[in-house]
Amino acid sequence: MLHYVSNSIILIIKFKILYLNVCLLAGWKVNMPLTKSAKKALRTDRTRKETNDLTRHKIKSAIKAARLAISGSEKDAQIKLNAAYKELDIAAKKNVIHKNKASRLKSRLTKKIAKVASTPTEVKPVKKVANKKKIA
C-alpha cells in the first residue's frame, strides 16, 4: 500500500513539473496563489492590467491619429491633438505612464504642429527682373 501511494505522489509531482516546463517553454505566465489574500491579489492585478492595457491602447491610437493628422495637414489636426492631450493627461493621472513621459509626448506633438504651421503651404516662385543700367 505504501509503495502504491508513493508512486502516485511521484507521478503527480512529475506531472506538475512537466506542466510547469511546458508553460515556461510556451511563454505562459503561471500563477498559482495558495492563500486567500494571494488569490484576491491575483484577481485585482488582472483587472488592473486590463484597464491599464486599455488606457495604453487609447494613448497609442490618439497619438497616432494626431501624428497622421499633423503630417497630412488635415483641418481637424487641432481636435485630434486635444484628444491626444486628454488621453495622456488621464493616463498620467491614473499612473499608467509617468507624468514626465506624458509631458514629453505632448511637447513633441506641439513641436510637430508648430513646425507644420510655420512652413508655408504654397511657395510661389519669385520672378527675377533684370535691372537696366541707366546711361547718364
N, C-alpha and C. Protein backbone atom coordinates (compact mmCIF):
# COMPACT_ATOMS: atom_id res chain seq x y z
N MET A 1 0.82 -1.20 0.00
CA MET A 1 0.00 0.00 0.00
C MET A 1 0.86 1.26 0.00
N LEU A 2 1.87 1.28 0.83
CA LEU A 2 2.75 2.43 0.91
C LEU A 2 3.48 2.66 -0.40
N HIS A 3 3.86 1.58 -1.03
CA HIS A 3 4.55 1.69 -2.31
C HIS A 3 3.63 2.31 -3.38
N TYR A 4 2.37 1.93 -3.36
CA TYR A 4 1.40 2.45 -4.32
C TYR A 4 1.17 3.95 -4.11
N VAL A 5 1.06 4.39 -2.86
CA VAL A 5 0.83 5.80 -2.55
C VAL A 5 2.04 6.62 -2.95
N SER A 6 3.20 6.15 -2.67
CA SER A 6 4.39 6.92 -3.01
C SER A 6 4.55 7.03 -4.53
N ASN A 7 4.19 5.99 -5.26
CA ASN A 7 4.27 6.05 -6.72
C ASN A 7 3.27 7.07 -7.28
N SER A 8 2.07 7.13 -6.72
CA SER A 8 1.08 8.09 -7.21
C SER A 8 1.52 9.52 -6.89
N ILE A 9 2.12 9.73 -5.75
CA ILE A 9 2.61 11.06 -5.39
C ILE A 9 3.74 11.46 -6.33
N ILE A 10 4.61 10.51 -6.63
CA ILE A 10 5.70 10.80 -7.56
C ILE A 10 5.16 11.14 -8.94
N LEU A 11 4.11 10.43 -9.37
CA LEU A 11 3.51 10.72 -10.67
C LEU A 11 2.88 12.11 -10.69
N ILE A 12 2.24 12.49 -9.61
CA ILE A 12 1.62 13.81 -9.53
C ILE A 12 2.70 14.90 -9.58
N ILE A 13 3.78 14.70 -8.86
CA ILE A 13 4.87 15.67 -8.86
C ILE A 13 5.50 15.77 -10.24
N LYS A 14 5.70 14.62 -10.89
CA LYS A 14 6.27 14.63 -12.24
C LYS A 14 5.34 15.37 -13.21
N PHE A 15 4.04 15.15 -13.06
CA PHE A 15 3.08 15.82 -13.93
C PHE A 15 3.12 17.32 -13.73
N LYS A 16 3.20 17.76 -12.47
CA LYS A 16 3.27 19.20 -12.19
C LYS A 16 4.53 19.81 -12.77
N ILE A 17 5.65 19.12 -12.64
CA ILE A 17 6.92 19.61 -13.18
C ILE A 17 6.84 19.69 -14.70
N LEU A 18 6.27 18.66 -15.32
CA LEU A 18 6.10 18.65 -16.77
C LEU A 18 5.21 19.80 -17.21
N TYR A 19 4.11 20.03 -16.47
CA TYR A 19 3.19 21.12 -16.80
C TYR A 19 3.89 22.47 -16.69
N LEU A 20 4.66 22.66 -15.64
CA LEU A 20 5.38 23.92 -15.47
C LEU A 20 6.40 24.14 -16.58
N ASN A 21 7.10 23.08 -16.97
CA ASN A 21 8.07 23.20 -18.06
C ASN A 21 7.39 23.56 -19.37
N VAL A 22 6.25 22.95 -19.64
CA VAL A 22 5.51 23.27 -20.86
C VAL A 22 5.05 24.72 -20.83
N CYS A 23 4.56 25.16 -19.68
CA CYS A 23 4.10 26.55 -19.55
C CYS A 23 5.26 27.53 -19.76
N LEU A 24 6.41 27.21 -19.19
CA LEU A 24 7.55 28.10 -19.34
C LEU A 24 8.05 28.13 -20.77
N LEU A 25 8.07 26.99 -21.44
CA LEU A 25 8.51 26.94 -22.83
C LEU A 25 7.53 27.68 -23.74
N ALA A 26 6.24 27.58 -23.43
CA ALA A 26 5.24 28.24 -24.26
C ALA A 26 5.15 29.74 -23.97
N GLY A 27 5.78 30.18 -22.89
CA GLY A 27 5.75 31.60 -22.55
C GLY A 27 4.51 31.98 -21.75
N TRP A 28 3.82 31.00 -21.22
CA TRP A 28 2.63 31.30 -20.42
C TRP A 28 3.06 31.75 -19.04
N LYS A 29 2.25 32.63 -18.49
CA LYS A 29 2.52 33.09 -17.13
C LYS A 29 1.80 32.16 -16.17
N VAL A 30 2.53 31.55 -15.28
CA VAL A 30 1.96 30.58 -14.36
C VAL A 30 1.81 31.24 -13.00
N ASN A 31 0.58 31.42 -12.59
CA ASN A 31 0.30 31.98 -11.27
C ASN A 31 -0.51 30.96 -10.50
N MET A 32 0.03 30.54 -9.40
CA MET A 32 -0.68 29.58 -8.58
C MET A 32 -0.71 30.08 -7.13
N PRO A 33 -1.60 31.00 -6.85
CA PRO A 33 -1.67 31.50 -5.47
C PRO A 33 -2.23 30.44 -4.54
N LEU A 34 -1.76 30.47 -3.32
CA LEU A 34 -2.21 29.48 -2.34
C LEU A 34 -3.15 30.08 -1.31
N THR A 35 -2.79 31.25 -0.80
CA THR A 35 -3.62 31.84 0.25
C THR A 35 -4.77 32.64 -0.34
N LYS A 36 -5.74 32.93 0.51
CA LYS A 36 -6.92 33.67 0.07
C LYS A 36 -6.55 35.08 -0.37
N SER A 37 -5.65 35.71 0.36
CA SER A 37 -5.25 37.07 0.01
C SER A 37 -4.46 37.09 -1.30
N ALA A 38 -3.66 36.04 -1.54
CA ALA A 38 -2.91 35.97 -2.79
C ALA A 38 -3.84 35.78 -3.98
N LYS A 39 -4.91 35.01 -3.78
CA LYS A 39 -5.90 34.81 -4.85
C LYS A 39 -6.60 36.12 -5.18
N LYS A 40 -6.94 36.89 -4.14
CA LYS A 40 -7.59 38.17 -4.36
C LYS A 40 -6.63 39.15 -5.04
N ALA A 41 -5.36 39.12 -4.63
CA ALA A 41 -4.37 40.00 -5.26
C ALA A 41 -4.21 39.67 -6.74
N LEU A 42 -4.27 38.39 -7.08
CA LEU A 42 -4.17 37.99 -8.48
C LEU A 42 -5.36 38.51 -9.28
N ARG A 43 -6.56 38.43 -8.69
CA ARG A 43 -7.75 38.94 -9.37
C ARG A 43 -7.64 40.44 -9.61
N THR A 44 -7.23 41.18 -8.59
CA THR A 44 -7.13 42.63 -8.74
C THR A 44 -6.03 42.99 -9.73
N ASP A 45 -4.93 42.24 -9.72
CA ASP A 45 -3.85 42.51 -10.68
C ASP A 45 -4.34 42.31 -12.10
N ARG A 46 -5.13 41.28 -12.33
CA ARG A 46 -5.63 41.02 -13.68
C ARG A 46 -6.58 42.12 -14.15
N THR A 47 -7.46 42.58 -13.25
CA THR A 47 -8.39 43.65 -13.66
C THR A 47 -7.64 44.95 -13.91
N ARG A 48 -6.65 45.24 -13.06
CA ARG A 48 -5.85 46.45 -13.25
C ARG A 48 -5.06 46.39 -14.55
N LYS A 49 -4.54 45.20 -14.87
CA LYS A 49 -3.80 45.03 -16.12
C LYS A 49 -4.70 45.29 -17.32
N GLU A 50 -5.93 44.82 -17.26
CA GLU A 50 -6.86 45.05 -18.36
C GLU A 50 -7.15 46.54 -18.55
N THR A 51 -7.39 47.25 -17.45
CA THR A 51 -7.68 48.68 -17.57
C THR A 51 -6.44 49.45 -18.03
N ASN A 52 -5.26 49.06 -17.53
CA ASN A 52 -4.03 49.73 -17.95
C ASN A 52 -3.75 49.49 -19.43
N ASP A 53 -3.98 48.24 -19.88
CA ASP A 53 -3.76 47.94 -21.30
C ASP A 53 -4.72 48.74 -22.17
N LEU A 54 -5.96 48.89 -21.73
CA LEU A 54 -6.93 49.67 -22.48
C LEU A 54 -6.50 51.14 -22.55
N THR A 55 -6.02 51.66 -21.43
CA THR A 55 -5.56 53.06 -21.40
C THR A 55 -4.35 53.26 -22.31
N ARG A 56 -3.41 52.30 -22.29
CA ARG A 56 -2.24 52.40 -23.17
C ARG A 56 -2.66 52.35 -24.64
N HIS A 57 -3.64 51.51 -24.95
CA HIS A 57 -4.13 51.42 -26.32
C HIS A 57 -4.76 52.75 -26.75
N LYS A 58 -5.52 53.36 -25.85
CA LYS A 58 -6.14 54.65 -26.17
C LYS A 58 -5.08 55.72 -26.43
N ILE A 59 -4.01 55.70 -25.62
CA ILE A 59 -2.92 56.66 -25.80
C ILE A 59 -2.28 56.49 -27.17
N LYS A 60 -1.93 55.23 -27.49
CA LYS A 60 -1.24 54.97 -28.75
C LYS A 60 -2.10 55.37 -29.94
N SER A 61 -3.37 55.03 -29.90
CA SER A 61 -4.23 55.35 -31.04
C SER A 61 -4.45 56.86 -31.16
N ALA A 62 -4.57 57.56 -30.03
CA ALA A 62 -4.77 59.01 -30.07
C ALA A 62 -3.53 59.72 -30.60
N ILE A 63 -2.34 59.28 -30.17
CA ILE A 63 -1.10 59.89 -30.64
C ILE A 63 -0.90 59.61 -32.12
N LYS A 64 -1.20 58.38 -32.52
CA LYS A 64 -1.05 58.03 -33.93
C LYS A 64 -1.99 58.85 -34.81
N ALA A 65 -3.24 59.03 -34.36
CA ALA A 65 -4.20 59.83 -35.12
C ALA A 65 -3.74 61.28 -35.21
N ALA A 66 -3.20 61.80 -34.11
CA ALA A 66 -2.73 63.19 -34.11
C ALA A 66 -1.53 63.35 -35.04
N ARG A 67 -0.59 62.41 -35.01
CA ARG A 67 0.58 62.50 -35.88
C ARG A 67 0.19 62.42 -37.35
N LEU A 68 -0.74 61.51 -37.66
CA LEU A 68 -1.18 61.39 -39.05
C LEU A 68 -1.91 62.66 -39.51
N ALA A 69 -2.71 63.24 -38.62
CA ALA A 69 -3.42 64.47 -38.97
C ALA A 69 -2.45 65.62 -39.17
N ILE A 70 -1.42 65.67 -38.34
CA ILE A 70 -0.44 66.74 -38.46
C ILE A 70 0.36 66.58 -39.75
N SER A 71 0.84 65.38 -40.02
CA SER A 71 1.66 65.17 -41.22
C SER A 71 0.84 65.31 -42.49
N GLY A 72 -0.46 64.97 -42.41
CA GLY A 72 -1.32 65.13 -43.58
C GLY A 72 -1.89 66.52 -43.69
N SER A 73 -1.55 67.38 -42.76
CA SER A 73 -2.05 68.76 -42.68
C SER A 73 -3.56 68.83 -42.85
N GLU A 74 -4.25 68.01 -42.05
CA GLU A 74 -5.71 68.00 -42.09
C GLU A 74 -6.27 69.17 -41.29
N LYS A 75 -7.54 69.47 -41.54
CA LYS A 75 -8.18 70.59 -40.86
C LYS A 75 -8.43 70.28 -39.38
N ASP A 76 -8.71 69.00 -39.07
CA ASP A 76 -9.04 68.64 -37.69
C ASP A 76 -7.82 68.18 -36.89
N ALA A 77 -6.63 68.63 -37.26
CA ALA A 77 -5.41 68.25 -36.55
C ALA A 77 -5.44 68.76 -35.11
N GLN A 78 -5.95 69.97 -34.93
CA GLN A 78 -6.00 70.54 -33.57
C GLN A 78 -6.97 69.75 -32.68
N ILE A 79 -8.06 69.29 -33.25
CA ILE A 79 -9.03 68.50 -32.47
C ILE A 79 -8.40 67.18 -32.04
N LYS A 80 -7.68 66.53 -32.96
CA LYS A 80 -7.02 65.27 -32.63
C LYS A 80 -5.88 65.48 -31.65
N LEU A 81 -5.22 66.62 -31.75
CA LEU A 81 -4.16 66.95 -30.81
C LEU A 81 -4.73 67.12 -29.40
N ASN A 82 -5.87 67.80 -29.30
CA ASN A 82 -6.52 67.96 -28.00
C ASN A 82 -6.97 66.62 -27.43
N ALA A 83 -7.44 65.72 -28.28
CA ALA A 83 -7.84 64.38 -27.82
C ALA A 83 -6.63 63.61 -27.30
N ALA A 84 -5.49 63.75 -27.97
CA ALA A 84 -4.27 63.09 -27.51
C ALA A 84 -3.82 63.67 -26.17
N TYR A 85 -3.90 65.01 -26.02
CA TYR A 85 -3.58 65.63 -24.74
C TYR A 85 -4.44 65.06 -23.62
N LYS A 86 -5.73 64.93 -23.90
CA LYS A 86 -6.67 64.44 -22.90
C LYS A 86 -6.32 63.02 -22.48
N GLU A 87 -6.04 62.14 -23.45
CA GLU A 87 -5.69 60.75 -23.13
C GLU A 87 -4.39 60.67 -22.35
N LEU A 88 -3.41 61.50 -22.71
CA LEU A 88 -2.14 61.49 -21.99
C LEU A 88 -2.32 61.97 -20.55
N ASP A 89 -3.13 63.00 -20.36
CA ASP A 89 -3.38 63.51 -19.01
C ASP A 89 -4.09 62.47 -18.14
N ILE A 90 -5.06 61.78 -18.74
CA ILE A 90 -5.79 60.74 -18.00
C ILE A 90 -4.85 59.62 -17.60
N ALA A 91 -3.99 59.19 -18.52
CA ALA A 91 -3.05 58.10 -18.23
C ALA A 91 -2.05 58.50 -17.16
N ALA A 92 -1.61 59.76 -17.20
CA ALA A 92 -0.67 60.22 -16.18
C ALA A 92 -1.35 60.31 -14.81
N LYS A 93 -2.62 60.71 -14.82
CA LYS A 93 -3.35 60.81 -13.56
C LYS A 93 -3.59 59.43 -12.94
N LYS A 94 -3.83 58.42 -13.80
CA LYS A 94 -4.04 57.06 -13.32
C LYS A 94 -2.74 56.33 -13.00
N ASN A 95 -1.60 56.98 -13.23
CA ASN A 95 -0.28 56.40 -13.04
C ASN A 95 -0.02 55.22 -13.97
N VAL A 96 -0.64 55.23 -15.14
CA VAL A 96 -0.34 54.21 -16.14
C VAL A 96 0.99 54.55 -16.79
N ILE A 97 1.21 55.84 -17.05
CA ILE A 97 2.51 56.32 -17.51
C ILE A 97 2.96 57.42 -16.56
N HIS A 98 4.24 57.72 -16.59
CA HIS A 98 4.77 58.76 -15.72
C HIS A 98 4.37 60.13 -16.25
N LYS A 99 4.22 61.08 -15.35
CA LYS A 99 3.77 62.41 -15.77
C LYS A 99 4.79 63.10 -16.67
N ASN A 100 6.08 62.80 -16.47
CA ASN A 100 7.09 63.38 -17.34
C ASN A 100 7.02 62.81 -18.75
N LYS A 101 6.66 61.53 -18.86
CA LYS A 101 6.51 60.94 -20.19
C LYS A 101 5.33 61.58 -20.91
N ALA A 102 4.24 61.80 -20.19
CA ALA A 102 3.08 62.46 -20.80
C ALA A 102 3.47 63.86 -21.27
N SER A 103 4.21 64.57 -20.45
CA SER A 103 4.64 65.92 -20.81
C SER A 103 5.56 65.89 -22.03
N ARG A 104 6.46 64.92 -22.07
CA ARG A 104 7.38 64.81 -23.20
C ARG A 104 6.64 64.54 -24.50
N LEU A 105 5.66 63.61 -24.47
CA LEU A 105 4.90 63.29 -25.67
C LEU A 105 4.07 64.48 -26.13
N LYS A 106 3.48 65.21 -25.18
CA LYS A 106 2.71 66.40 -25.55
C LYS A 106 3.61 67.46 -26.17
N SER A 107 4.80 67.61 -25.63
CA SER A 107 5.74 68.59 -26.15
C SER A 107 6.14 68.24 -27.59
N ARG A 108 6.38 66.96 -27.84
CA ARG A 108 6.78 66.55 -29.19
C ARG A 108 5.65 66.78 -30.19
N LEU A 109 4.43 66.51 -29.78
CA LEU A 109 3.30 66.76 -30.67
C LEU A 109 3.15 68.26 -30.96
N THR A 110 3.36 69.07 -29.93
CA THR A 110 3.25 70.52 -30.10
C THR A 110 4.33 71.03 -31.05
N LYS A 111 5.55 70.50 -30.92
CA LYS A 111 6.62 70.90 -31.82
C LYS A 111 6.29 70.55 -33.26
N LYS A 112 5.72 69.36 -33.46
CA LYS A 112 5.37 68.94 -34.82
C LYS A 112 4.33 69.86 -35.43
N ILE A 113 3.30 70.18 -34.67
CA ILE A 113 2.24 71.02 -35.23
C ILE A 113 2.74 72.44 -35.45
N ALA A 114 3.66 72.91 -34.60
CA ALA A 114 4.23 74.25 -34.81
C ALA A 114 5.11 74.27 -36.04
N LYS A 115 5.84 73.20 -36.27
CA LYS A 115 6.71 73.12 -37.45
C LYS A 115 5.89 73.12 -38.73
N VAL A 116 4.78 72.38 -38.72
CA VAL A 116 3.92 72.32 -39.89
C VAL A 116 3.24 73.66 -40.12
N ALA A 117 2.85 74.33 -39.03
CA ALA A 117 2.16 75.62 -39.15
C ALA A 117 3.11 76.72 -39.64
N SER A 118 4.38 76.62 -39.29
CA SER A 118 5.32 77.68 -39.68
C SER A 118 5.76 77.56 -41.14
N THR A 119 5.74 76.35 -41.68
CA THR A 119 6.16 76.20 -43.07
C THR A 119 5.03 76.63 -43.99
N PRO A 120 5.34 77.42 -45.01
CA PRO A 120 4.28 77.86 -45.92
C PRO A 120 3.78 76.68 -46.75
N THR A 121 2.47 76.69 -47.00
CA THR A 121 1.89 75.60 -47.76
C THR A 121 2.15 75.76 -49.25
N GLU A 122 2.03 76.98 -49.78
CA GLU A 122 2.29 77.23 -51.19
C GLU A 122 3.44 78.21 -51.31
N VAL A 123 4.43 77.81 -52.04
CA VAL A 123 5.57 78.68 -52.25
C VAL A 123 5.52 79.13 -53.70
N LYS A 124 5.33 80.43 -53.87
CA LYS A 124 5.28 80.97 -55.23
C LYS A 124 6.69 81.35 -55.65
N PRO A 125 7.08 80.96 -56.85
CA PRO A 125 8.43 81.33 -57.29
C PRO A 125 8.51 82.83 -57.53
N VAL A 126 9.62 83.38 -57.15
CA VAL A 126 9.83 84.81 -57.30
C VAL A 126 10.51 85.04 -58.65
N LYS A 127 9.91 85.94 -59.45
CA LYS A 127 10.49 86.25 -60.76
C LYS A 127 11.61 87.26 -60.56
N LYS A 128 12.72 86.96 -61.17
CA LYS A 128 13.83 87.89 -61.10
C LYS A 128 13.77 88.83 -62.29
N VAL A 129 13.82 90.09 -62.00
CA VAL A 129 13.78 91.10 -63.04
C VAL A 129 15.18 91.67 -63.18
N ALA A 130 15.67 91.67 -64.40
CA ALA A 130 16.99 92.20 -64.64
C ALA A 130 16.95 93.72 -64.55
N ASN A 131 17.85 94.28 -63.81
CA ASN A 131 17.93 95.72 -63.68
C ASN A 131 18.65 96.31 -64.90
N LYS A 132 18.03 97.32 -65.52
CA LYS A 132 18.67 98.00 -66.63
C LYS A 132 19.54 99.11 -66.11
N LYS A 133 20.69 99.18 -66.64
CA LYS A 133 21.60 100.23 -66.21
C LYS A 133 21.22 101.52 -66.90
N LYS A 134 21.19 102.57 -66.15
CA LYS A 134 20.88 103.88 -66.70
C LYS A 134 22.15 104.52 -67.25
N ILE A 135 22.05 105.02 -68.44
CA ILE A 135 23.20 105.70 -69.03
C ILE A 135 22.97 107.21 -68.83
N ALA A 136 23.87 107.79 -68.15
CA ALA A 136 23.71 109.21 -67.90
C ALA A 136 24.71 110.04 -68.62
